[in-house]
N, C-alpha and C. Protein backbone atom coordinates (compact mmCIF):
# COMPACT_ATOMS: atom_id res chain seq x y z
N UNK A 1 -7.54 51.15 50.75
CA UNK A 1 -8.50 51.89 49.99
C UNK A 1 -7.95 52.92 49.23
N UNK A 2 -8.12 52.51 47.74
CA UNK A 2 -8.19 53.48 46.45
C UNK A 2 -8.58 54.72 46.65
N UNK A 3 -7.55 55.79 46.10
CA UNK A 3 -8.16 56.92 45.94
C UNK A 3 -8.70 57.35 44.27
N UNK A 4 -8.55 56.36 43.80
CA UNK A 4 -8.74 56.35 42.25
C UNK A 4 -10.35 55.86 42.36
N UNK A 5 -11.25 56.52 41.16
CA UNK A 5 -12.45 56.15 41.12
C UNK A 5 -12.38 54.38 40.65
N UNK A 6 -13.23 53.69 40.96
CA UNK A 6 -13.40 52.07 41.07
C UNK A 6 -13.06 51.63 39.64
N UNK A 7 -13.26 52.33 38.24
CA UNK A 7 -12.78 51.85 37.17
C UNK A 7 -11.25 52.24 37.14
N UNK A 8 -10.98 53.34 37.47
CA UNK A 8 -9.44 53.76 37.26
C UNK A 8 -8.74 52.88 38.07
N UNK A 9 -9.03 52.40 39.11
CA UNK A 9 -8.08 51.77 39.99
C UNK A 9 -8.09 50.25 39.54
N UNK A 10 -9.03 49.87 38.49
CA UNK A 10 -9.06 48.27 38.10
C UNK A 10 -7.93 48.69 37.22
N UNK A 11 -8.07 49.83 36.18
CA UNK A 11 -7.39 49.38 35.02
C UNK A 11 -5.61 49.72 35.80
N UNK A 12 -5.53 50.59 36.62
CA UNK A 12 -4.20 50.80 36.95
C UNK A 12 -3.55 49.36 37.43
N UNK A 13 -4.43 48.49 38.29
CA UNK A 13 -4.15 47.32 38.45
C UNK A 13 -4.00 46.56 37.55
N UNK A 14 -4.76 46.70 36.68
CA UNK A 14 -3.95 45.73 35.37
C UNK A 14 -2.85 46.01 34.92
N UNK A 15 -2.64 47.12 34.91
CA UNK A 15 -1.28 47.83 34.07
C UNK A 15 -0.18 47.65 34.97
N UNK A 16 -0.30 47.71 36.18
CA UNK A 16 0.82 47.05 37.00
C UNK A 16 0.96 45.47 36.75
N UNK A 17 -0.20 44.60 37.05
CA UNK A 17 0.10 43.41 36.97
C UNK A 17 0.55 42.96 35.52
N UNK A 18 0.19 43.46 34.59
CA UNK A 18 0.60 43.25 32.95
C UNK A 18 2.25 43.87 33.23
N UNK A 19 2.51 44.92 33.86
CA UNK A 19 4.06 45.44 33.77
C UNK A 19 4.93 44.26 34.20
N UNK A 20 4.12 43.85 35.66
CA UNK A 20 5.03 42.72 36.43
C UNK A 20 5.10 41.52 35.89
N UNK A 21 4.46 41.18 34.70
CA UNK A 21 4.47 39.84 33.91
C UNK A 21 5.43 39.98 33.03
N UNK A 22 5.23 41.44 32.28
CA UNK A 22 6.34 41.78 31.19
C UNK A 22 7.91 41.69 31.83
N UNK A 23 7.95 42.07 32.85
CA UNK A 23 9.24 42.20 33.45
C UNK A 23 9.75 41.08 33.99
N UNK A 24 8.96 40.30 34.65
CA UNK A 24 9.62 38.80 34.81
C UNK A 24 9.93 37.94 33.08
N UNK A 25 8.94 38.45 32.09
CA UNK A 25 9.26 37.84 30.82
C UNK A 25 10.55 37.95 30.54
N UNK A 26 11.10 39.24 30.48
CA UNK A 26 11.89 40.02 30.27
C UNK A 26 13.31 39.26 30.95
N UNK A 27 13.21 39.08 31.98
CA UNK A 27 14.52 38.73 32.78
C UNK A 27 14.48 37.21 32.43
N UNK A 28 13.24 36.18 32.16
CA UNK A 28 13.37 34.84 32.15
C UNK A 28 14.27 34.97 30.55
N UNK A 29 13.42 35.62 29.42
CA UNK A 29 14.18 35.98 28.42
C UNK A 29 15.83 35.94 28.38
N UNK A 30 16.28 36.78 29.04
CA UNK A 30 17.48 37.03 29.33
C UNK A 30 18.36 35.87 29.82
N UNK A 31 17.83 34.95 30.98
CA UNK A 31 18.84 34.26 31.54
C UNK A 31 18.78 32.95 30.37
N UNK A 32 17.47 32.72 29.55
CA UNK A 32 17.47 31.94 28.45
C UNK A 32 18.20 32.19 27.12
N UNK A 33 18.37 33.58 26.54
CA UNK A 33 19.16 33.64 25.56
C UNK A 33 19.95 34.80 25.45
N UNK A 34 20.19 35.49 26.63
CA UNK A 34 21.23 36.90 26.43
C UNK A 34 21.99 37.07 27.85
N UNK A 35 22.11 35.86 28.41
CA UNK A 35 22.49 35.80 29.53
C UNK A 35 24.28 35.87 29.86
N UNK A 36 25.21 35.53 30.72
CA UNK A 36 26.35 35.77 30.84
C UNK A 36 27.11 34.55 29.81
N UNK A 37 26.60 33.54 29.61
CA UNK A 37 27.07 32.60 28.57
C UNK A 37 26.85 32.77 26.64
N UNK A 38 26.62 34.28 26.70
CA UNK A 38 26.26 34.23 25.12
C UNK A 38 27.29 35.27 24.75
N UNK A 39 27.73 35.19 23.49
CA UNK A 39 28.89 36.32 22.99
C UNK A 39 28.11 37.74 22.97
N UNK A 40 26.87 37.91 22.52
CA UNK A 40 26.06 39.16 22.75
C UNK A 40 26.07 39.57 23.68
N UNK A 41 26.18 39.19 24.93
CA UNK A 41 26.32 39.66 26.52
C UNK A 41 27.75 40.45 26.15
N UNK A 42 28.82 39.68 26.42
CA UNK A 42 29.92 40.19 26.39
C UNK A 42 30.28 41.17 25.69
N UNK A 43 29.88 41.36 24.29
CA UNK A 43 29.86 42.42 23.26
C UNK A 43 29.17 43.49 23.63
N UNK A 44 27.81 43.48 24.51
CA UNK A 44 27.11 44.66 25.21
C UNK A 44 28.40 44.98 26.56
N UNK A 45 28.93 44.03 27.23
CA UNK A 45 29.67 44.59 28.16
C UNK A 45 30.83 45.34 27.42
N UNK A 46 31.40 44.96 26.50
CA UNK A 46 32.61 45.75 25.97
C UNK A 46 32.00 47.07 25.67
N UNK A 47 30.89 47.20 24.99
CA UNK A 47 30.45 48.22 24.79
C UNK A 47 30.20 49.39 25.80
N UNK A 48 30.04 49.02 27.17
CA UNK A 48 29.72 49.98 28.10
C UNK A 48 31.28 50.22 28.76
N UNK A 49 32.05 48.82 29.03
CA UNK A 49 33.69 49.41 29.81
C UNK A 49 34.28 50.21 28.26
N UNK A 50 34.87 49.77 27.55
CA UNK A 50 35.60 49.98 26.45
C UNK A 50 35.45 51.44 26.33
N UNK A 51 34.46 51.97 25.78
CA UNK A 51 34.25 53.37 25.49
C UNK A 51 34.65 54.49 26.90
N UNK A 52 34.12 54.23 27.95
CA UNK A 52 34.65 54.67 29.53
C UNK A 52 36.20 54.74 29.47
N UNK A 53 36.78 53.63 29.54
CA UNK A 53 38.11 53.61 29.46
C UNK A 53 38.76 54.32 28.68
N UNK A 54 38.34 54.56 27.45
CA UNK A 54 38.92 55.22 26.22
C UNK A 54 38.87 56.82 26.45
N UNK A 55 37.33 57.05 27.02
CA UNK A 55 37.28 58.55 27.51
C UNK A 55 37.84 58.78 28.77
N UNK A 56 38.18 58.01 29.60
CA UNK A 56 39.29 58.54 30.65
C UNK A 56 40.45 58.87 30.32
N UNK A 57 40.94 58.03 29.41
CA UNK A 57 42.68 58.09 28.93
C UNK A 57 42.59 59.40 27.63
N UNK A 58 41.64 59.89 27.31
CA UNK A 58 41.79 60.81 26.27
C UNK A 58 40.96 62.24 26.62
N UNK A 59 39.83 62.13 27.44
CA UNK A 59 39.26 63.63 27.70
C UNK A 59 39.76 64.75 28.22
N UNK A 60 39.77 65.63 27.75
CA UNK A 60 40.50 67.32 28.14
C UNK A 60 39.98 67.64 29.52
N UNK A 61 41.05 67.05 30.58
CA UNK A 61 40.38 67.79 32.05
C UNK A 61 40.42 69.01 31.98
N UNK A 62 40.72 69.78 31.21
CA UNK A 62 40.51 70.96 31.50
C UNK A 62 39.34 71.61 31.10
N UNK A 63 38.55 70.74 30.78
CA UNK A 63 37.33 71.21 29.94
C UNK A 63 36.23 70.22 30.43
N UNK A 64 36.78 69.16 31.68
CA UNK A 64 36.06 68.10 32.22
C UNK A 64 34.42 68.29 32.32
N UNK A 65 34.40 69.51 32.84
CA UNK A 65 32.57 69.61 33.44
C UNK A 65 32.14 69.72 32.05
N UNK A 66 32.13 70.69 31.07
CA UNK A 66 31.57 70.98 30.06
C UNK A 66 31.33 69.65 28.95
N UNK A 67 32.40 69.07 28.74
CA UNK A 67 32.35 67.83 28.14
C UNK A 67 31.69 66.80 28.86
N UNK A 68 31.59 66.45 30.18
CA UNK A 68 30.69 65.80 30.57
C UNK A 68 29.21 66.15 30.61
N UNK A 69 29.21 67.38 30.64
CA UNK A 69 27.89 68.00 31.05
C UNK A 69 27.09 67.44 29.55
N UNK A 70 27.72 67.82 28.48
CA UNK A 70 27.50 67.59 26.96
C UNK A 70 26.78 65.98 26.79
N UNK A 71 27.90 65.23 27.26
CA UNK A 71 27.70 63.89 27.13
C UNK A 71 26.41 63.53 28.17
N UNK A 72 26.64 63.65 29.04
CA UNK A 72 25.30 63.77 29.95
C UNK A 72 23.96 63.81 29.16
N UNK A 73 24.05 64.97 28.94
CA UNK A 73 22.91 65.53 27.84
C UNK A 73 22.63 64.34 26.80
N UNK A 74 23.77 63.94 26.01
CA UNK A 74 23.22 62.93 24.86
C UNK A 74 22.81 61.55 25.16
N UNK A 75 23.44 61.26 26.85
CA UNK A 75 23.10 60.04 27.39
C UNK A 75 21.57 60.23 27.79
N UNK A 76 21.16 61.18 28.62
CA UNK A 76 20.04 61.19 29.16
C UNK A 76 18.54 61.09 27.47
N UNK A 77 18.97 61.95 26.82
CA UNK A 77 17.74 62.41 25.99
C UNK A 77 17.84 61.19 24.97
N UNK A 78 19.00 60.54 24.84
CA UNK A 78 19.22 59.27 23.89
C UNK A 78 18.51 58.03 24.81
N UNK A 79 18.88 58.11 25.78
CA UNK A 79 17.89 56.85 26.80
C UNK A 79 16.40 56.97 26.80
N UNK A 80 15.71 58.39 26.84
CA UNK A 80 14.52 58.78 26.75
C UNK A 80 13.94 58.28 25.88
N UNK A 81 14.69 58.95 24.70
CA UNK A 81 13.69 58.35 22.98
C UNK A 81 14.26 57.03 22.72
N UNK A 82 15.14 56.46 23.05
CA UNK A 82 14.97 55.15 22.74
C UNK A 82 14.60 54.08 23.91
N UNK A 83 14.35 54.61 24.95
CA UNK A 83 12.88 53.85 26.05
C UNK A 83 11.44 54.00 25.34
N UNK A 84 10.85 55.23 24.90
CA UNK A 84 9.51 55.41 24.15
C UNK A 84 9.76 54.67 23.04
N UNK A 85 10.72 54.76 22.01
CA UNK A 85 10.76 53.92 20.99
C UNK A 85 10.68 52.43 21.18
N UNK A 86 11.65 51.95 22.35
CA UNK A 86 11.22 50.18 22.57
C UNK A 86 10.27 49.91 22.94
N UNK A 87 9.62 50.95 23.93
CA UNK A 87 8.30 50.43 24.70
C UNK A 87 7.30 50.61 23.73
N UNK A 88 7.21 51.43 22.61
CA UNK A 88 6.57 51.49 21.60
C UNK A 88 6.41 50.89 20.51
N UNK A 89 7.56 49.35 20.50
CA UNK A 89 7.74 48.69 19.56
C UNK A 89 8.09 48.71 18.44
N UNK A 90 9.02 50.36 17.95
CA UNK A 90 9.38 50.54 16.67
C UNK A 90 10.95 50.08 16.59
N UNK A 91 11.48 49.71 18.00
CA UNK A 91 13.14 49.36 17.78
C UNK A 91 12.91 48.21 18.90
N UNK A 92 13.81 47.12 19.22
CA UNK A 92 14.28 46.51 20.12
C UNK A 92 15.54 45.70 20.10
N UNK A 93 15.85 45.20 21.33
CA UNK A 93 16.87 45.22 21.44
C UNK A 93 16.76 43.31 22.01
N UNK A 94 17.26 42.29 21.25
CA UNK A 94 17.24 40.88 21.54
C UNK A 94 18.02 40.72 22.70
N UNK A 95 19.17 41.46 22.79
CA UNK A 95 20.13 40.80 23.60
C UNK A 95 20.57 42.06 24.69
N UNK A 96 20.63 42.14 25.50
CA UNK A 96 20.75 43.21 26.53
C UNK A 96 22.07 42.88 27.52
N UNK A 97 22.74 43.68 28.26
CA UNK A 97 23.59 43.72 29.21
C UNK A 97 22.74 43.40 30.62
N UNK A 98 21.76 44.57 30.93
CA UNK A 98 20.72 44.25 31.86
C UNK A 98 19.49 44.50 31.37
N UNK A 99 18.69 43.36 31.83
CA UNK A 99 17.54 42.83 31.28
C UNK A 99 16.43 44.05 31.72
N UNK A 100 16.40 44.43 32.55
CA UNK A 100 15.44 45.70 33.17
C UNK A 100 15.22 46.62 32.83
N UNK A 101 16.45 47.07 31.71
CA UNK A 101 15.96 48.54 30.90
C UNK A 101 15.53 48.20 29.83
N UNK A 102 14.75 48.88 29.22
CA UNK A 102 14.35 48.75 27.90
C UNK A 102 15.22 49.21 26.85
N UNK A 103 15.96 49.45 27.00
CA UNK A 103 17.04 50.57 26.09
C UNK A 103 18.33 49.85 25.69
N UNK A 104 19.20 49.80 24.86
CA UNK A 104 20.19 49.19 24.89
C UNK A 104 21.46 50.13 25.69
N UNK A 105 21.62 49.75 26.98
CA UNK A 105 22.56 50.11 27.94
C UNK A 105 23.79 50.72 27.56
N UNK A 106 24.77 49.53 26.89
CA UNK A 106 25.94 50.20 26.13
C UNK A 106 26.04 51.34 25.10
N UNK A 107 24.89 51.08 24.40
CA UNK A 107 24.86 52.43 23.20
C UNK A 107 24.41 53.87 24.20
N UNK A 108 23.35 53.68 24.71
CA UNK A 108 22.65 55.04 25.33
C UNK A 108 23.73 55.35 26.35
N UNK A 109 24.36 54.52 27.39
CA UNK A 109 24.96 55.11 28.54
C UNK A 109 26.44 55.03 28.27
N UNK A 110 27.01 54.65 27.37
CA UNK A 110 28.15 54.34 26.87
C UNK A 110 29.00 54.98 25.65
N UNK A 111 28.69 53.76 24.59
CA UNK A 111 29.18 54.21 23.46
C UNK A 111 28.78 55.18 22.88
N UNK A 112 27.38 55.81 22.36
CA UNK A 112 27.06 56.93 21.82
C UNK A 112 27.09 58.46 22.62
N UNK A 113 27.25 58.34 24.02
CA UNK A 113 27.78 59.53 24.65
C UNK A 113 29.29 59.66 24.46
N UNK A 114 30.09 58.72 24.65
CA UNK A 114 31.56 58.79 24.39
C UNK A 114 31.95 59.38 23.24
N UNK A 115 31.25 58.76 22.29
CA UNK A 115 31.50 59.07 20.73
C UNK A 115 31.14 61.08 20.92
N UNK A 116 30.25 61.17 21.03
CA UNK A 116 29.91 62.63 21.05
C UNK A 116 30.86 63.16 21.85
N UNK A 117 31.16 63.15 22.96
CA UNK A 117 32.01 64.03 23.87
C UNK A 117 33.25 63.81 22.82
N UNK A 118 33.69 62.86 22.72
CA UNK A 118 35.25 62.75 21.96
C UNK A 118 35.28 64.03 20.76
N UNK A 119 33.64 63.95 20.06
CA UNK A 119 33.60 64.66 18.71
C UNK A 119 33.80 66.24 19.29
N UNK A 120 32.73 66.30 20.15
CA UNK A 120 32.78 67.55 20.75
C UNK A 120 33.97 68.22 21.26
N UNK A 121 34.54 67.61 21.97
CA UNK A 121 35.95 68.00 22.30
C UNK A 121 36.73 68.36 20.95
N UNK A 122 36.94 67.40 20.14
CA UNK A 122 37.71 67.79 19.17
C UNK A 122 37.47 68.83 18.24
N UNK A 123 35.67 69.53 18.12
CA UNK A 123 35.54 70.39 17.61
C UNK A 123 35.99 71.79 17.74
N UNK A 124 36.09 71.74 19.51
CA UNK A 124 36.59 72.98 20.71
C UNK A 124 38.08 73.21 20.28
N UNK A 125 39.00 71.90 20.09
CA UNK A 125 40.23 71.96 20.23
C UNK A 125 40.67 72.66 18.84
N UNK A 126 39.97 72.17 17.90
CA UNK A 126 40.10 72.36 16.44
C UNK A 126 39.72 73.47 15.44
N UNK A 127 38.47 74.13 16.75
CA UNK A 127 37.83 75.02 16.01
C UNK A 127 37.01 74.77 14.88
N UNK A 128 36.63 73.66 14.70
CA UNK A 128 35.63 72.88 13.63
C UNK A 128 34.43 73.12 13.51
N UNK A 129 33.45 72.99 12.76
CA UNK A 129 32.21 73.06 12.73
C UNK A 129 31.54 71.95 13.67
N UNK A 130 30.94 72.20 14.72
CA UNK A 130 30.37 71.33 15.51
C UNK A 130 29.27 70.64 14.96
N UNK A 131 28.58 71.21 14.28
CA UNK A 131 27.35 70.94 13.52
C UNK A 131 27.77 69.69 12.38
N UNK A 132 28.35 70.29 11.46
CA UNK A 132 28.96 69.33 10.47
C UNK A 132 29.66 68.02 11.04
N UNK A 133 30.45 68.02 11.93
CA UNK A 133 30.93 66.82 12.29
C UNK A 133 30.09 65.97 13.39
N UNK A 134 28.98 66.48 13.74
CA UNK A 134 28.14 65.99 14.38
C UNK A 134 27.07 65.07 13.40
N UNK A 135 26.79 65.77 12.31
CA UNK A 135 25.83 65.29 11.58
C UNK A 135 26.84 63.91 10.54
N UNK A 136 28.38 64.11 10.49
CA UNK A 136 29.06 62.97 9.89
C UNK A 136 28.91 61.99 11.17
N UNK A 137 29.03 62.48 12.11
CA UNK A 137 28.94 61.06 13.31
C UNK A 137 27.38 60.47 13.58
N UNK A 138 26.93 61.03 13.63
CA UNK A 138 25.13 60.61 13.43
C UNK A 138 24.93 59.83 12.16
N UNK A 139 25.52 60.29 11.09
CA UNK A 139 25.40 59.16 9.95
C UNK A 139 26.23 58.22 9.85
N UNK A 140 27.66 58.01 10.58
CA UNK A 140 28.07 56.74 10.92
C UNK A 140 27.36 56.13 11.84
N UNK A 141 27.01 56.48 13.07
CA UNK A 141 26.36 55.69 14.14
C UNK A 141 25.01 55.06 13.14
N UNK A 142 24.27 55.80 12.65
CA UNK A 142 23.03 55.64 12.10
C UNK A 142 23.16 54.53 10.68
N UNK A 143 23.92 54.53 10.33
CA UNK A 143 23.98 54.05 8.42
C UNK A 143 24.84 52.81 8.52
N UNK A 144 26.04 53.16 9.38
CA UNK A 144 27.40 51.82 9.77
C UNK A 144 27.24 51.25 10.53
N UNK A 145 26.90 51.78 12.08
CA UNK A 145 27.26 51.07 13.29
C UNK A 145 25.74 50.38 13.57
N UNK A 146 24.51 51.13 13.33
CA UNK A 146 23.16 50.38 13.70
C UNK A 146 22.87 49.27 12.40
N UNK A 147 23.10 49.40 11.78
CA UNK A 147 22.94 48.01 10.49
C UNK A 147 24.13 46.85 10.96
N UNK A 148 25.32 47.44 11.44
CA UNK A 148 25.92 46.14 11.43
C UNK A 148 25.60 45.39 13.02
N UNK A 149 24.62 46.34 14.09
CA UNK A 149 24.13 45.51 15.20
C UNK A 149 23.15 44.45 14.92
N UNK A 150 22.19 45.07 13.57
CA UNK A 150 21.28 45.10 13.22
C UNK A 150 21.29 43.17 12.38
N UNK A 151 22.54 43.21 11.89
CA UNK A 151 22.97 42.18 11.14
C UNK A 151 23.44 41.19 12.01
N UNK A 152 23.61 41.53 13.38
CA UNK A 152 24.08 40.41 14.31
C UNK A 152 22.65 40.02 15.11
N UNK A 153 21.63 40.71 14.98
CA UNK A 153 20.60 40.54 15.92
C UNK A 153 20.20 41.14 16.90
N UNK A 154 21.17 42.37 17.01
CA UNK A 154 21.53 43.15 18.56
C UNK A 154 20.78 44.41 18.47
N UNK A 155 19.88 44.83 17.14
CA UNK A 155 19.26 45.76 17.17
C UNK A 155 18.03 45.48 15.93
N UNK A 156 16.74 45.87 16.11
CA UNK A 156 15.98 45.44 15.55
C UNK A 156 14.84 46.55 15.18
N UNK A 157 14.69 47.17 13.57
CA UNK A 157 13.72 47.98 13.53
C UNK A 157 11.95 47.00 13.02
N UNK A 158 11.21 47.82 13.62
CA UNK A 158 9.99 47.46 13.53
C UNK A 158 8.89 48.34 13.33
N UNK A 159 7.32 48.01 12.74
CA UNK A 159 6.27 48.90 12.56
C UNK A 159 6.90 50.13 11.53
N UNK A 160 7.36 49.62 10.68
CA UNK A 160 7.82 50.79 9.62
C UNK A 160 8.84 51.57 10.11
N UNK A 161 9.63 51.61 10.96
CA UNK A 161 10.30 52.22 11.34
C UNK A 161 12.13 52.00 10.37
N UNK A 162 12.61 52.97 10.21
CA UNK A 162 13.88 52.80 9.02
C UNK A 162 14.98 53.73 9.73
N UNK A 163 16.09 53.59 9.12
CA UNK A 163 17.29 54.12 9.52
C UNK A 163 16.93 55.67 9.39
N UNK A 164 16.58 56.53 8.62
CA UNK A 164 16.20 57.54 8.57
C UNK A 164 15.92 58.27 9.76
N UNK A 165 14.80 57.19 10.32
CA UNK A 165 14.03 57.96 11.63
C UNK A 165 14.98 57.86 12.88
N UNK A 166 15.85 56.74 12.81
CA UNK A 166 17.14 56.99 13.79
C UNK A 166 18.02 57.71 13.48
N UNK A 167 18.15 58.52 12.23
CA UNK A 167 19.20 59.58 11.91
C UNK A 167 18.32 60.89 12.91
N UNK A 168 17.02 60.98 12.18
CA UNK A 168 16.60 62.16 12.72
C UNK A 168 16.26 62.01 14.41
N UNK A 169 16.23 61.04 15.21
CA UNK A 169 16.19 61.12 16.44
C UNK A 169 17.55 61.54 16.85
N UNK A 170 18.74 61.04 16.32
CA UNK A 170 20.00 61.33 16.90
C UNK A 170 20.32 63.10 16.65
N UNK A 171 19.71 63.61 15.73
CA UNK A 171 19.88 65.29 14.94
C UNK A 171 18.97 65.91 16.10
N UNK A 172 17.79 65.48 16.43
CA UNK A 172 17.26 66.27 17.53
C UNK A 172 17.81 66.14 19.28
N UNK A 173 18.38 64.85 19.32
CA UNK A 173 19.07 64.61 20.64
C UNK A 173 20.35 65.52 20.45
N UNK A 174 20.75 65.80 19.72
CA UNK A 174 22.42 66.36 19.30
C UNK A 174 21.89 68.08 19.44
N UNK A 175 20.96 68.36 18.62
CA UNK A 175 20.42 69.72 18.88
C UNK A 175 19.94 70.39 20.32
N UNK A 176 19.34 69.37 20.66
CA UNK A 176 18.85 69.63 21.96
C UNK A 176 19.70 69.85 23.32
N UNK A 177 20.71 68.58 23.01
CA UNK A 177 21.87 68.63 24.09
C UNK A 177 23.00 69.80 23.93
N UNK A 178 23.07 70.17 22.80
CA UNK A 178 23.90 71.53 22.50
C UNK A 178 23.20 72.69 23.05
N UNK A 179 22.20 72.60 22.80
CA UNK A 179 21.27 73.90 23.46
C UNK A 179 21.24 74.09 24.92
N UNK A 180 21.16 72.96 25.58
CA UNK A 180 21.21 73.16 26.78
C UNK A 180 22.33 73.14 27.20
N UNK A 181 23.76 73.04 26.56
CA UNK A 181 24.93 73.24 27.26
C UNK A 181 25.43 74.67 26.69
N UNK A 182 24.53 75.29 25.56
CA UNK A 182 25.22 76.48 25.33
C UNK A 182 24.58 77.49 26.39
N UNK A 183 23.08 76.88 26.72
CA UNK A 183 22.21 77.95 27.48
C UNK A 183 23.19 77.78 28.77
N UNK A 184 23.45 76.94 29.71
CA UNK A 184 24.09 76.92 30.27
C UNK A 184 25.72 77.66 30.49
N UNK A 185 26.30 77.54 29.34
CA UNK A 185 27.46 78.14 28.98
C UNK A 185 26.98 79.70 29.10
N UNK A 186 26.34 80.15 28.65
CA UNK A 186 25.98 81.37 28.33
C UNK A 186 25.27 82.12 29.87
N UNK A 187 25.04 81.05 30.83
CA UNK A 187 24.00 81.57 32.15
C UNK A 187 25.67 81.72 33.03
N UNK A 188 26.60 80.96 32.53
CA UNK A 188 27.98 80.89 33.62
C UNK A 188 28.83 82.02 33.13
N UNK A 189 28.50 82.69 31.70
CA UNK A 189 29.24 83.58 31.30
C UNK A 189 28.77 84.71 31.97
N UNK A 190 27.41 84.97 31.68
CA UNK A 190 26.91 86.47 32.49
C UNK A 190 27.21 86.25 33.91
N UNK A 191 26.98 85.29 34.63
CA UNK A 191 27.24 85.18 35.79
C UNK A 191 28.93 85.90 36.30
N UNK A 192 29.67 85.43 35.59
CA UNK A 192 31.01 85.91 35.53
C UNK A 192 31.27 87.26 35.20
N UNK A 193 30.64 87.56 34.67
CA UNK A 193 31.24 89.35 34.26
C UNK A 193 30.12 90.18 35.05
């Protein structure tokens, strides 16, 4: 017996049924067009694995938790924003490593966070301007990498979305991630003193 009013329960069941159908359609689409036998699948796997290997080899182990905390923030906020934009059909990924996720798993969980971790590490080591280097990296991801992915039909912009929107999204993600990281750094410093 449902605890929802009748109309709400009916709508909820309709949404669940539609969601299940879309889930099944994405899985079938993946098997038909994006599975193990496509170069796009293997490129997505490379975008997951290669950055993680690179990170393992080059991360500053003295600052491991700081760098990974910042990178985890980049990952989380990228995945959230990407998931919302994908679900609302502003962007799309015709080829995925894992069909159950609406996000581009390689970009949001590996490539982009690793690039930002290494950039953050560089700015700490060289005492360089974090925000300037972030803007440069965001520019390269948005206006170089994303169009290359779009040329290979690995990334699609729809409903009037353009690369400037993507650029702004990354700016927000980086500012938010750096703000959270700075907040916890300050808390740690206060506790230590």
